[in-house]
Amino acid sequence: MDKIKTNYKGGMPALQEHFAYMQEAYSKAFEAIVKSFDYNEPGYILYGCHYTETSTDYTIEPGAVVLNGEILIVDGHTVTKQSGTLISYFWGVEETDDPNGEMAFYDGDTYNVYARRRGIIKVSTPPLGSYMVLGQEKRIPDLIDGLVGDNYVAKKLLSWISPVLLNGWTHQLANGKQGLLYTKQANGIVRVIGYILPSSATNHIITQLPQGYRPPFPVQSNWIDLNGKLATVETTGEVQINNYNTADSAGYYIHLEFPTL
């Protein structure tokens, strides 16, 4: 881990850049730790964050989550349900000023330098790409297969398979994105994740999962773009996207999990 060398004498000046360097060093170290538990996921729950549901709202208990490599404390909060076919409830970040952070600078200006970042449930049309849906989160026990000697074995060590895509569909690999992959965990749950491009597609069938990786009933994702497109896995193993558009140059992100036959 990066660090500030403090062994020099003579009166080292305290600069903002020093705090930024130290903060980034710790952030990178924590990010490396939390990413070791999972593979290509937007996040997971560290502890707490259970929720209760009524006809009008969701109440989330205090806890902590990991979102995109960042550890976030979750304060207990309630979100009101909204109507609409494209409304989703998903984890996001809320940043507010801490009242204790008000400081007067030497130039006479006053700034709040303490940012409180919390994990919260957001209610809206979800962002494009990967996100963590309320009720579908993973927890630490879901991300490890168990102990081997004194060491945990992460489920990311399972074999991930890149399927052959059909009907002109292609893997989206631009800008560091991961193409479509699938695997089966030790508990029999199949996971299908990754980015695909429809630019040359001639059919809504993307690929077909082999025997042993197929669901006992059709499985449908949350919508995968702002126009309400859905990804589906049929009992035949066919992975499909409804109403695809070859002009969608950004591609689609698929994230499906289901039991097997």
C-alpha atoms as a PDB file:
ATOM      1  CA  MET A   1       0.000   0.000   0.000  1.00  0.00           C
ATOM      2  CA  ASP A   2       1.203   3.506  -0.791  1.00  0.00           C
ATOM      3  CA  LYS A   3       2.142   5.637   2.194  1.00  0.00           C
ATOM      4  CA  ILE A   4       3.542   9.028   3.190  1.00  0.00           C
ATOM      5  CA  LYS A   5       7.126   8.757   4.418  1.00  0.00           C
ATOM      6  CA  THR A   6       7.312  10.388   7.848  1.00  0.00           C
ATOM      7  CA  ASN A   7      10.921   9.592   8.777  1.00  0.00           C
ATOM      8  CA  TYR A   8      12.329  12.929   7.600  1.00  0.00           C
ATOM      9  CA  LYS A   9      12.930  15.719  10.146  1.00  0.00           C
ATOM     10  CA  GLY A  10      12.930  19.463   9.696  1.00  0.00           C
ATOM     11  CA  GLY A  11       9.276  20.480   9.615  1.00  0.00           C
ATOM     12  CA  MET A  12       7.315  18.868   6.794  1.00  0.00           C
ATOM     13  CA  PRO A  13       4.527  21.162   5.570  1.00  0.00           C
ATOM     14  CA  ALA A  14       0.936  19.869   5.848  1.00  0.00           C
ATOM     15  CA  LEU A  15      -0.651  20.285   2.418  1.00  0.00           C
ATOM     16  CA  GLN A  16      -4.001  19.256   0.957  1.00  0.00           C
ATOM     17  CA  GLU A  17      -2.129  17.082  -1.497  1.00  0.00           C
ATOM     18  CA  HIS A  18      -0.816  14.993   1.406  1.00  0.00           C
ATOM     19  CA  PHE A  19      -4.340  14.240   2.647  1.00  0.00           C
ATOM     20  CA  ALA A  20      -5.437  13.384  -0.885  1.00  0.00           C
ATOM     21  CA  TYR A  21      -2.485  11.015  -1.340  1.00  0.00           C
ATOM     22  CA  MET A  22      -3.225   9.248   1.946  1.00  0.00           C
ATOM     23  CA  GLN A  23      -6.955   9.000   1.233  1.00  0.00           C
ATOM     24  CA  GLU A  24      -6.343   7.520  -2.197  1.00  0.00           C
ATOM     25  CA  ALA A  25      -3.887   4.974  -0.760  1.00  0.00           C
ATOM     26  CA  TYR A  26      -6.437   3.694   1.752  1.00  0.00           C
ATOM     27  CA  SER A  27      -9.226   3.725  -0.839  1.00  0.00           C
ATOM     28  CA  LYS A  28      -7.195   1.567  -3.219  1.00  0.00           C
ATOM     29  CA  ALA A  29      -6.279  -0.863  -0.438  1.00  0.00           C
ATOM     30  CA  PHE A  30      -9.900  -1.327   0.650  1.00  0.00           C
ATOM     31  CA  GLU A  31     -11.004  -1.643  -2.963  1.00  0.00           C
ATOM     32  CA  ALA A  32      -8.502  -4.468  -3.498  1.00  0.00           C
ATOM     33  CA  ILE A  33      -9.851  -6.308  -0.438  1.00  0.00           C
ATOM     34  CA  VAL A  34     -13.535  -6.039  -1.264  1.00  0.00           C
ATOM     35  CA  LYS A  35     -13.056  -6.976  -4.923  1.00  0.00           C
ATOM     36  CA  SER A  36     -11.353 -10.222  -3.936  1.00  0.00           C
ATOM     37  CA  PHE A  37     -14.716 -11.739  -2.947  1.00  0.00           C
ATOM     38  CA  ASP A  38     -16.522 -11.444  -6.239  1.00  0.00           C
ATOM     39  CA  TYR A  39     -16.190 -11.399 -10.010  1.00  0.00           C
ATOM     40  CA  ASN A  40     -17.534  -8.677 -12.286  1.00  0.00           C
ATOM     41  CA  GLU A  41     -20.278  -7.644  -9.854  1.00  0.00           C
ATOM     42  CA  PRO A  42     -21.503  -4.127  -9.019  1.00  0.00           C
ATOM     43  CA  GLY A  43     -21.505  -4.837  -5.282  1.00  0.00           C
ATOM     44  CA  TYR A  44     -22.624  -6.892  -2.297  1.00  0.00           C
ATOM     45  CA  ILE A  45     -23.745  -6.524   1.317  1.00  0.00           C
ATOM     46  CA  LEU A  46     -21.151  -6.674   4.089  1.00  0.00           C
ATOM     47  CA  TYR A  47     -23.670  -6.860   6.944  1.00  0.00           C
ATOM     48  CA  GLY A  48     -27.184  -5.794   7.884  1.00  0.00           C
ATOM     49  CA  CYS A  49     -29.282  -4.019   5.242  1.00  0.00           C
ATOM     50  CA  HIS A  50     -32.229  -6.394   5.593  1.00  0.00           C
ATOM     51  CA  TYR A  51     -35.489  -4.836   4.511  1.00  0.00           C
ATOM     52  CA  THR A  52     -39.195  -5.090   5.234  1.00  0.00           C
ATOM     53  CA  GLU A  53     -41.917  -4.328   2.717  1.00  0.00           C
ATOM     54  CA  THR A  54     -45.384  -2.894   3.105  1.00  0.00           C
ATOM     55  CA  SER A  55     -47.948  -1.938   0.481  1.00  0.00           C
ATOM     56  CA  THR A  56     -46.511   1.589   0.382  1.00  0.00           C
ATOM     57  CA  ASP A  57     -42.782   1.426   1.139  1.00  0.00           C
ATOM     58  CA  TYR A  58     -39.538  -0.431   1.845  1.00  0.00           C
ATOM     59  CA  THR A  59     -37.698   0.004   5.144  1.00  0.00           C
ATOM     60  CA  ILE A  60     -33.963  -0.804   5.054  1.00  0.00           C
ATOM     61  CA  GLU A  61     -32.046  -1.658   8.214  1.00  0.00           C
ATOM     62  CA  PRO A  62     -28.607  -0.147   9.000  1.00  0.00           C
ATOM     63  CA  GLY A  63     -25.543  -1.974   7.716  1.00  0.00           C
ATOM     64  CA  ALA A  64     -22.809  -1.650   5.105  1.00  0.00           C
ATOM     65  CA  VAL A  65     -22.497  -2.408   1.401  1.00  0.00           C
ATOM     66  CA  VAL A  66     -19.809  -2.498  -1.252  1.00  0.00           C
ATOM     67  CA  LEU A  67     -20.628  -0.623  -4.455  1.00  0.00           C
ATOM     68  CA  ASN A  68     -18.132  -0.578  -7.313  1.00  0.00           C
ATOM     69  CA  GLY A  69     -15.257  -1.277  -4.933  1.00  0.00           C
ATOM     70  CA  GLU A  70     -16.227   1.339  -2.319  1.00  0.00           C
ATOM     71  CA  ILE A  71     -17.324   0.463   1.229  1.00  0.00           C
ATOM     72  CA  LEU A  72     -20.389   2.480   2.219  1.00  0.00           C
ATOM     73  CA  ILE A  73     -22.159   2.689   5.563  1.00  0.00           C
ATOM     74  CA  VAL A  74     -25.942   2.345   5.306  1.00  0.00           C
ATOM     75  CA  ASP A  75     -28.127   4.285   7.721  1.00  0.00           C
ATOM     76  CA  GLY A  76     -31.599   2.929   8.331  1.00  0.00           C
ATOM     77  CA  HIS A  77     -34.002   4.552   5.882  1.00  0.00           C
ATOM     78  CA  THR A  78     -37.382   4.164   4.208  1.00  0.00           C
ATOM     79  CA  VAL A  79     -38.249   4.631   0.536  1.00  0.00           C
ATOM     80  CA  THR A  80     -41.765   5.134  -0.789  1.00  0.00           C
ATOM     81  CA  LYS A  81     -42.974   2.861  -3.563  1.00  0.00           C
ATOM     82  CA  GLN A  82     -43.701   4.435  -6.917  1.00  0.00           C
ATOM     83  CA  SER A  83     -45.871   3.269  -9.773  1.00  0.00           C
ATOM     84  CA  GLY A  84     -44.646   2.722 -13.302  1.00  0.00           C
ATOM     85  CA  THR A  85     -43.431  -0.213 -15.369  1.00  0.00           C
ATOM     86  CA  LEU A  86     -39.884   1.150 -15.656  1.00  0.00           C
ATOM     87  CA  ILE A  87     -39.408   2.008 -11.976  1.00  0.00           C
ATOM     88  CA  SER A  88     -36.689   0.059 -10.157  1.00  0.00           C
ATOM     89  CA  TYR A  89     -35.329  -0.003  -6.588  1.00  0.00           C
ATOM     90  CA  PHE A  90     -31.550  -0.233  -6.589  1.00  0.00           C
ATOM     91  CA  TRP A  91     -28.503   0.642  -4.494  1.00  0.00           C
ATOM     92  CA  GLY A  92     -26.764   3.945  -5.049  1.00  0.00           C
ATOM     93  CA  VAL A  93     -24.596   6.527  -3.298  1.00  0.00           C
ATOM     94  CA  GLU A  94     -25.784   9.660  -1.540  1.00  0.00           C
ATOM     95  CA  GLU A  95     -23.179  12.289  -0.697  1.00  0.00           C
ATOM     96  CA  THR A  96     -23.976  15.072   1.774  1.00  0.00           C
ATOM     97  CA  ASP A  97     -21.948  17.568   3.804  1.00  0.00           C
ATOM     98  CA  ASP A  98     -21.132  16.676   7.409  1.00  0.00           C
ATOM     99  CA  PRO A  99     -21.968  19.700   9.631  1.00  0.00           C
ATOM    100  CA  ASN A 100     -18.680  19.153  11.485  1.00  0.00           C
ATOM    101  CA  GLY A 101     -16.739  19.807   8.307  1.00  0.00           C
ATOM    102  CA  GLU A 102     -17.163  23.584   8.123  1.00  0.00           C
ATOM    103  CA  MET A 103     -13.695  25.163   8.088  1.00  0.00           C
ATOM    104  CA  ALA A 104     -12.410  28.693   7.622  1.00  0.00           C
ATOM    105  CA  PHE A 105      -9.468  28.819   5.199  1.00  0.00           C
ATOM    106  CA  TYR A 106      -6.553  31.223   5.510  1.00  0.00           C
ATOM    107  CA  ASP A 107      -7.849  33.251   2.582  1.00  0.00           C
ATOM    108  CA  GLY A 108     -11.074  33.997   4.479  1.00  0.00           C
ATOM    109  CA  ASP A 109     -13.353  31.605   2.581  1.00  0.00           C
ATOM    110  CA  THR A 110     -15.305  28.895   4.399  1.00  0.00           C
ATOM    111  CA  TYR A 111     -15.826  25.413   3.003  1.00  0.00           C
ATOM    112  CA  ASN A 112     -17.288  22.151   4.209  1.00  0.00           C
ATOM    113  CA  VAL A 113     -14.530  19.592   3.695  1.00  0.00           C
ATOM    114  CA  TYR A 114     -16.223  16.509   5.203  1.00  0.00           C
ATOM    115  CA  ALA A 115     -18.251  14.471   2.709  1.00  0.00           C
ATOM    116  CA  ARG A 116     -20.595  11.812   4.127  1.00  0.00           C
ATOM    117  CA  ARG A 117     -21.090   9.054   1.568  1.00  0.00           C
ATOM    118  CA  ARG A 118     -23.817   6.557   2.352  1.00  0.00           C
ATOM    119  CA  GLY A 119     -25.366   3.631   0.572  1.00  0.00           C
ATOM    120  CA  ILE A 120     -29.080   4.173  -0.041  1.00  0.00           C
ATOM    121  CA  ILE A 121     -31.921   2.674  -2.061  1.00  0.00           C
ATOM    122  CA  LYS A 122     -32.773   4.854  -5.037  1.00  0.00           C
ATOM    123  CA  VAL A 123     -36.158   4.784  -6.745  1.00  0.00           C
ATOM    124  CA  SER A 124     -36.102   5.674 -10.426  1.00  0.00           C
ATOM    125  CA  THR A 125     -35.355   4.324 -13.837  1.00  0.00           C
ATOM    126  CA  PRO A 126     -32.085   2.480 -13.190  1.00  0.00           C
ATOM    127  CA  PRO A 127     -28.768   3.485 -14.730  1.00  0.00           C
ATOM    128  CA  LEU A 128     -27.488   1.754 -17.819  1.00  0.00           C
ATOM    129  CA  GLY A 129     -24.985  -1.002 -17.153  1.00  0.00           C
ATOM    130  CA  SER A 130     -24.356  -2.882 -13.945  1.00  0.00           C
ATOM    131  CA  TYR A 131     -26.231  -2.082 -10.732  1.00  0.00           C
ATOM    132  CA  MET A 132     -27.391  -3.859  -7.543  1.00  0.00           C
ATOM    133  CA  VAL A 133     -31.138  -4.396  -7.215  1.00  0.00           C
ATOM    134  CA  LEU A 134     -32.949  -4.386  -3.862  1.00  0.00           C
ATOM    135  CA  GLY A 135     -33.738  -7.965  -2.888  1.00  0.00           C
ATOM    136  CA  GLN A 136     -31.199  -9.500  -5.288  1.00  0.00           C
ATOM    137  CA  GLU A 137     -28.022  -8.573  -3.416  1.00  0.00           C
ATOM    138  CA  LYS A 138     -25.229 -10.986  -2.580  1.00  0.00           C
ATOM    139  CA  ARG A 139     -23.753 -11.332   0.901  1.00  0.00           C
ATOM    140  CA  ILE A 140     -20.320 -12.546   1.966  1.00  0.00           C
ATOM    141  CA  PRO A 141     -21.532 -16.168   2.508  1.00  0.00           C
ATOM    142  CA  ASP A 142     -22.857 -16.139  -1.079  1.00  0.00           C
ATOM    143  CA  LEU A 143     -19.437 -15.167  -2.419  1.00  0.00           C
ATOM    144  CA  ILE A 144     -17.293 -17.901  -0.885  1.00  0.00           C
ATOM    145  CA  ASP A 145     -17.396 -21.650  -1.301  1.00  0.00           C
ATOM    146  CA  GLY A 146     -15.931 -22.280   2.150  1.00  0.00           C
ATOM    147  CA  LEU A 147     -12.624 -22.875   3.875  1.00  0.00           C
ATOM    148  CA  VAL A 148      -9.684 -24.773   2.457  1.00  0.00           C
ATOM    149  CA  GLY A 149      -7.238 -25.050   5.328  1.00  0.00           C
ATOM    150  CA  ASP A 150      -7.143 -21.572   6.812  1.00  0.00           C
ATOM    151  CA  ASN A 151      -8.141 -19.776   3.612  1.00  0.00           C
ATOM    152  CA  TYR A 152     -11.479 -18.836   2.103  1.00  0.00           C
ATOM    153  CA  VAL A 153     -12.076 -19.900  -1.494  1.00  0.00           C
ATOM    154  CA  ALA A 154     -13.873 -17.192  -3.455  1.00  0.00           C
ATOM    155  CA  LYS A 155     -16.616 -18.224  -5.855  1.00  0.00           C
ATOM    156  CA  LYS A 156     -14.897 -16.139  -8.509  1.00  0.00           C
ATOM    157  CA  LEU A 157     -12.461 -19.050  -8.851  1.00  0.00           C
ATOM    158  CA  LEU A 158     -15.234 -21.050 -10.529  1.00  0.00           C
ATOM    159  CA  SER A 159     -14.766 -21.597 -14.231  1.00  0.00           C
ATOM    160  CA  TRP A 160     -16.389 -18.889 -16.335  1.00  0.00           C
ATOM    161  CA  ILE A 161     -17.346 -19.845 -19.884  1.00  0.00           C
ATOM    162  CA  SER A 162     -17.588 -17.483 -22.842  1.00  0.00           C
ATOM    163  CA  PRO A 163     -20.470 -18.744 -25.020  1.00  0.00           C
ATOM    164  CA  VAL A 164     -20.599 -18.750 -28.785  1.00  0.00           C
ATOM    165  CA  LEU A 165     -22.999 -15.973 -29.772  1.00  0.00           C
ATOM    166  CA  LEU A 166     -25.599 -16.550 -32.478  1.00  0.00           C
ATOM    167  CA  ASN A 167     -27.425 -14.545 -35.140  1.00  0.00           C
ATOM    168  CA  GLY A 168     -24.872 -11.770 -35.484  1.00  0.00           C
ATOM    169  CA  TRP A 169     -24.657 -10.840 -31.779  1.00  0.00           C
ATOM    170  CA  THR A 170     -21.138  -9.975 -30.588  1.00  0.00           C
ATOM    171  CA  HIS A 171     -19.361  -9.534 -27.257  1.00  0.00           C
ATOM    172  CA  GLN A 172     -18.929  -5.900 -26.155  1.00  0.00           C
ATOM    173  CA  LEU A 173     -15.250  -5.551 -25.200  1.00  0.00           C
ATOM    174  CA  ALA A 174     -14.697  -1.811 -25.693  1.00  0.00           C
ATOM    175  CA  ASN A 175     -13.597   0.457 -22.837  1.00  0.00           C
ATOM    176  CA  GLY A 176     -12.649  -2.423 -20.560  1.00  0.00           C
ATOM    177  CA  LYS A 177     -16.064  -4.096 -20.673  1.00  0.00           C
ATOM    178  CA  GLN A 178     -16.457  -7.853 -20.285  1.00  0.00           C
ATOM    179  CA  GLY A 179     -18.280  -9.892 -22.913  1.00  0.00           C
ATOM    180  CA  LEU A 180     -20.977 -12.406 -22.019  1.00  0.00           C
ATOM    181  CA  LEU A 181     -19.966 -15.163 -19.570  1.00  0.00           C
ATOM    182  CA  TYR A 182     -21.762 -17.911 -17.667  1.00  0.00           C
ATOM    183  CA  THR A 183     -20.898 -20.252 -14.811  1.00  0.00           C
ATOM    184  CA  LYS A 184     -22.509 -22.603 -12.293  1.00  0.00           C
ATOM    185  CA  GLN A 185     -21.795 -22.156  -8.580  1.00  0.00           C
ATOM    186  CA  ALA A 186     -21.377 -24.944  -6.079  1.00  0.00           C
ATOM    187  CA  ASN A 187     -25.005 -24.494  -4.957  1.00  0.00           C
ATOM    188  CA  GLY A 188     -26.296 -25.098  -8.504  1.00  0.00           C
ATOM    189  CA  ILE A 189     -27.070 -21.448  -9.273  1.00  0.00           C
ATOM    190  CA  VAL A 190     -26.192 -20.403 -12.817  1.00  0.00           C
ATOM    191  CA  ARG A 191     -25.010 -16.847 -13.438  1.00  0.00           C
ATOM    192  CA  VAL A 192     -25.066 -15.158 -16.852  1.00  0.00           C
ATOM    193  CA  ILE A 193     -23.392 -11.740 -16.975  1.00  0.00           C
ATOM    194  CA  GLY A 194     -21.653  -9.454 -19.427  1.00  0.00           C
ATOM    195  CA  TYR A 195     -21.993  -6.955 -22.267  1.00  0.00           C
ATOM    196  CA  ILE A 196     -23.207  -7.706 -25.789  1.00  0.00           C
ATOM    197  CA  LEU A 197     -23.654  -5.701 -28.998  1.00  0.00           C
ATOM    198  CA  PRO A 198     -26.686  -5.928 -31.331  1.00  0.00           C
ATOM    199  CA  SER A 199     -25.183  -3.962 -34.231  1.00  0.00           C
ATOM    200  CA  SER A 200     -25.153  -6.988 -36.577  1.00  0.00           C
ATOM    201  CA  ALA A 201     -27.946  -9.014 -34.948  1.00  0.00           C
ATOM    202  CA  THR A 202     -30.544 -10.667 -37.173  1.00  0.00           C
ATOM    203  CA  ASN A 203     -32.559 -12.424 -34.456  1.00  0.00           C
ATOM    204  CA  HIS A 204     -33.517 -11.930 -30.792  1.00  0.00           C
ATOM    205  CA  ILE A 205     -31.759 -15.173 -29.750  1.00  0.00           C
ATOM    206  CA  ILE A 206     -28.264 -14.340 -28.472  1.00  0.00           C
ATOM    207  CA  THR A 207     -26.927 -17.763 -27.510  1.00  0.00           C
ATOM    208  CA  GLN A 208     -28.064 -21.119 -26.118  1.00  0.00           C
ATOM    209  CA  LEU A 209     -26.849 -22.469 -22.796  1.00  0.00           C
ATOM    210  CA  PRO A 210     -25.978 -26.183 -22.728  1.00  0.00           C
ATOM    211  CA  GLN A 211     -27.746 -28.877 -20.726  1.00  0.00           C
ATOM    212  CA  GLY A 212     -26.998 -28.496 -17.029  1.00  0.00           C
ATOM    213  CA  TYR A 213     -27.077 -24.705 -17.260  1.00  0.00           C
ATOM    214  CA  ARG A 214     -30.763 -24.240 -18.108  1.00  0.00           C
ATOM    215  CA  PRO A 215     -33.536 -22.975 -15.787  1.00  0.00           C
ATOM    216  CA  PRO A 216     -36.616 -25.053 -14.851  1.00  0.00           C
ATOM    217  CA  PHE A 217     -38.794 -22.078 -15.843  1.00  0.00           C
ATOM    218  CA  PRO A 218     -38.282 -18.973 -18.005  1.00  0.00           C
ATOM    219  CA  VAL A 219     -36.175 -16.348 -16.205  1.00  0.00           C
ATOM    220  CA  GLN A 220     -36.410 -12.658 -16.991  1.00  0.00           C
ATOM    221  CA  SER A 221     -34.067  -9.828 -16.058  1.00  0.00           C
ATOM    222  CA  ASN A 222     -34.905  -6.334 -14.969  1.00  0.00           C
ATOM    223  CA  TRP A 223     -35.010  -4.092 -18.003  1.00  0.00           C
ATOM    224  CA  ILE A 224     -31.593  -3.478 -19.519  1.00  0.00           C
ATOM    225  CA  ASP A 225     -32.001  -0.083 -21.162  1.00  0.00           C
ATOM    226  CA  LEU A 226     -34.163   3.037 -20.963  1.00  0.00           C
ATOM    227  CA  ASN A 227     -36.584   1.671 -23.566  1.00  0.00           C
ATOM    228  CA  GLY A 228     -37.669  -1.297 -21.474  1.00  0.00           C
ATOM    229  CA  LYS A 229     -35.776  -4.095 -23.178  1.00  0.00           C
ATOM    230  CA  LEU A 230     -35.596  -7.357 -21.212  1.00  0.00           C
ATOM    231  CA  ALA A 231     -33.236 -10.320 -21.228  1.00  0.00           C
ATOM    232  CA  THR A 232     -34.801 -13.792 -20.893  1.00  0.00           C
ATOM    233  CA  VAL A 233     -33.474 -17.331 -20.516  1.00  0.00           C
ATOM    234  CA  GLU A 234     -35.896 -20.005 -21.700  1.00  0.00           C
ATOM    235  CA  THR A 235     -36.027 -23.597 -20.448  1.00  0.00           C
ATOM    236  CA  THR A 236     -34.376 -24.564 -23.747  1.00  0.00           C
ATOM    237  CA  GLY A 237     -31.336 -22.521 -22.713  1.00  0.00           C
ATOM    238  CA  GLU A 238     -31.984 -19.786 -25.270  1.00  0.00           C
ATOM    239  CA  VAL A 239     -30.862 -16.353 -24.057  1.00  0.00           C
ATOM    240  CA  GLN A 240     -32.993 -13.689 -25.719  1.00  0.00           C
ATOM    241  CA  ILE A 241     -33.521  -9.920 -25.792  1.00  0.00           C
ATOM    242  CA  ASN A 242     -36.898  -8.529 -26.819  1.00  0.00           C
ATOM    243  CA  ASN A 243     -37.214  -5.502 -29.078  1.00  0.00           C
ATOM    244  CA  TYR A 244     -33.487  -5.142 -29.648  1.00  0.00           C
ATOM    245  CA  ASN A 245     -32.278  -2.308 -31.844  1.00  0.00           C
ATOM    246  CA  THR A 246     -29.192  -2.673 -34.042  1.00  0.00           C
ATOM    247  CA  ALA A 247     -28.604   1.079 -33.610  1.00  0.00           C
ATOM    248  CA  ASP A 248     -27.938   0.667 -29.856  1.00  0.00           C
ATOM    249  CA  SER A 249     -24.187   1.143 -30.196  1.00  0.00           C
ATOM    250  CA  ALA A 250     -23.581   1.111 -26.426  1.00  0.00           C
ATOM    251  CA  GLY A 251     -24.800  -2.473 -26.252  1.00  0.00           C
ATOM    252  CA  TYR A 252     -26.650  -4.162 -23.389  1.00  0.00           C
ATOM    253  CA  TYR A 253     -25.574  -5.466 -19.989  1.00  0.00           C
ATOM    254  CA  ILE A 254     -27.097  -8.807 -18.961  1.00  0.00           C
ATOM    255  CA  HIS A 255     -27.178 -10.039 -15.366  1.00  0.00           C
ATOM    256  CA  LEU A 256     -29.236 -13.174 -14.722  1.00  0.00           C
ATOM    257  CA  GLU A 257     -29.139 -15.785 -11.941  1.00  0.00           C
ATOM    258  CA  PHE A 258     -31.307 -18.867 -11.648  1.00  0.00           C
ATOM    259  CA  PRO A 259     -31.429 -22.471 -10.371  1.00  0.00           C
ATOM    260  CA  THR A 260     -30.904 -25.336 -12.765  1.00  0.00           C
ATOM    261  CA  LEU A 261     -33.062 -28.312 -13.688  1.00  0.00           C
END
